[in-house]
């Protein structure tokens, strides 16, 4: 049987892992958008 403390720690670890993954995906999305904006500015100017 998992103690209450262990359950809380596992929940906290899972939450932090999910937050880190979301932050990584957001960073990757922003990095992918950045070169596209540069290319759009070149074609307009």
N, C-alpha and C. Protein backbone atom coordinates (compact mmCIF):
# COMPACT_ATOMS: atom_id res chain seq x y z
N UNK A 1 0.84 -1.20 0.00
CA UNK A 1 0.00 0.00 0.00
C UNK A 1 0.88 1.25 0.00
N UNK A 2 0.50 2.22 -0.82
CA UNK A 2 1.26 3.47 -0.93
C UNK A 2 0.79 4.42 0.17
N UNK A 3 1.74 4.95 0.87
CA UNK A 3 1.39 5.91 1.94
C UNK A 3 0.89 7.21 1.33
N UNK A 4 0.21 7.99 2.13
CA UNK A 4 -0.31 9.29 1.68
C UNK A 4 0.84 10.19 1.22
N UNK A 5 1.94 10.17 1.95
CA UNK A 5 3.11 10.99 1.58
C UNK A 5 3.65 10.58 0.22
N UNK A 6 3.75 9.27 0.01
CA UNK A 6 4.28 8.77 -1.26
C UNK A 6 3.34 9.16 -2.41
N UNK A 7 2.04 9.07 -2.19
CA UNK A 7 1.08 9.45 -3.23
C UNK A 7 1.21 10.93 -3.57
N UNK A 8 1.35 11.77 -2.56
CA UNK A 8 1.51 13.21 -2.78
C UNK A 8 2.80 13.49 -3.56
N UNK A 9 3.88 12.82 -3.19
CA UNK A 9 5.15 13.03 -3.88
C UNK A 9 5.05 12.58 -5.34
N UNK A 10 4.41 11.46 -5.59
CA UNK A 10 4.26 10.98 -6.97
C UNK A 10 3.39 11.93 -7.78
N UNK A 11 2.32 12.44 -7.17
CA UNK A 11 1.48 13.42 -7.85
C UNK A 11 2.27 14.68 -8.19
N UNK A 12 3.07 15.13 -7.25
CA UNK A 12 3.88 16.34 -7.45
C UNK A 12 4.90 16.13 -8.57
N UNK A 13 5.54 14.98 -8.58
CA UNK A 13 6.51 14.68 -9.63
C UNK A 13 5.83 14.63 -11.00
N UNK A 14 4.66 14.02 -11.07
CA UNK A 14 3.93 13.95 -12.33
C UNK A 14 3.52 15.35 -12.79
N UNK A 15 3.09 16.19 -11.87
CA UNK A 15 2.69 17.56 -12.21
C UNK A 15 3.88 18.35 -12.76
N UNK A 16 5.01 18.24 -12.07
CA UNK A 16 6.20 18.97 -12.53
C UNK A 16 6.66 18.47 -13.89
N UNK A 17 6.58 17.17 -14.12
CA UNK A 17 6.98 16.61 -15.41
C UNK A 17 6.06 17.13 -16.51
N UNK A 18 4.76 17.18 -16.24
CA UNK A 18 3.81 17.69 -17.23
C UNK A 18 4.04 19.17 -17.51
N UNK A 19 4.33 19.94 -16.48
CA UNK A 19 4.61 21.37 -16.67
C UNK A 19 5.87 21.57 -17.51
N UNK A 20 6.89 20.78 -17.24
CA UNK A 20 8.13 20.89 -18.00
C UNK A 20 7.91 20.53 -19.46
N UNK A 21 7.13 19.50 -19.70
CA UNK A 21 6.84 19.08 -21.07
C UNK A 21 6.05 20.16 -21.80
N UNK A 22 5.07 20.76 -21.14
CA UNK A 22 4.29 21.83 -21.75
C UNK A 22 5.17 23.03 -22.07
N UNK A 23 6.08 23.36 -21.17
CA UNK A 23 6.98 24.49 -21.40
C UNK A 23 7.91 24.19 -22.57
N UNK A 24 8.38 22.96 -22.67
CA UNK A 24 9.27 22.58 -23.78
C UNK A 24 8.53 22.66 -25.11
N UNK A 25 7.29 22.18 -25.13
CA UNK A 25 6.51 22.25 -26.37
C UNK A 25 6.24 23.69 -26.78
N UNK A 26 5.94 24.54 -25.81
CA UNK A 26 5.71 25.95 -26.11
C UNK A 26 6.98 26.62 -26.64
N UNK A 27 8.13 26.31 -26.03
CA UNK A 27 9.39 26.86 -26.50
C UNK A 27 9.68 26.40 -27.92
N UNK A 28 9.48 25.11 -28.19
CA UNK A 28 9.73 24.59 -29.53
C UNK A 28 8.80 25.24 -30.55
N UNK A 29 7.53 25.45 -30.17
CA UNK A 29 6.58 26.09 -31.08
C UNK A 29 7.02 27.51 -31.40
N UNK A 30 7.47 28.23 -30.40
CA UNK A 30 7.92 29.61 -30.62
C UNK A 30 9.18 29.65 -31.49
N UNK A 31 10.08 28.70 -31.28
CA UNK A 31 11.29 28.66 -32.10
C UNK A 31 10.97 28.33 -33.55
N UNK A 32 9.95 27.51 -33.78
CA UNK A 32 9.54 27.20 -35.14
C UNK A 32 8.89 28.39 -35.82
N UNK A 33 8.17 29.20 -35.06
CA UNK A 33 7.50 30.37 -35.64
C UNK A 33 8.50 31.46 -36.01
N UNK A 34 9.55 31.61 -35.24
CA UNK A 34 10.48 32.73 -35.42
C UNK A 34 11.08 32.78 -36.83
N UNK A 35 11.64 31.69 -37.37
CA UNK A 35 12.20 31.78 -38.74
C UNK A 35 11.15 32.09 -39.79
N UNK A 36 9.91 31.63 -39.61
CA UNK A 36 8.86 31.91 -40.57
C UNK A 36 8.59 33.41 -40.63
N UNK A 37 8.58 34.06 -39.48
CA UNK A 37 8.35 35.50 -39.46
C UNK A 37 9.47 36.22 -40.20
N UNK A 38 10.71 35.77 -40.01
CA UNK A 38 11.84 36.39 -40.68
C UNK A 38 11.70 36.24 -42.20
N UNK A 39 11.29 35.04 -42.66
CA UNK A 39 11.12 34.81 -44.08
C UNK A 39 10.01 35.68 -44.66
N UNK A 40 8.93 35.87 -43.91
CA UNK A 40 7.83 36.72 -44.37
C UNK A 40 8.30 38.15 -44.53
N UNK A 41 9.11 38.64 -43.60
CA UNK A 41 9.60 40.02 -43.66
C UNK A 41 10.52 40.19 -44.86
N UNK A 42 11.33 39.19 -45.18
CA UNK A 42 12.23 39.29 -46.32
C UNK A 42 11.44 39.38 -47.63
N UNK A 43 10.37 38.58 -47.76
CA UNK A 43 9.62 38.57 -48.99
C UNK A 43 8.81 39.87 -49.17
N UNK A 44 8.41 40.50 -48.07
CA UNK A 44 7.66 41.76 -48.16
C UNK A 44 8.59 42.94 -48.48
N UNK A 45 9.79 42.91 -47.93
CA UNK A 45 10.67 44.05 -48.04
C UNK A 45 11.58 43.91 -49.19
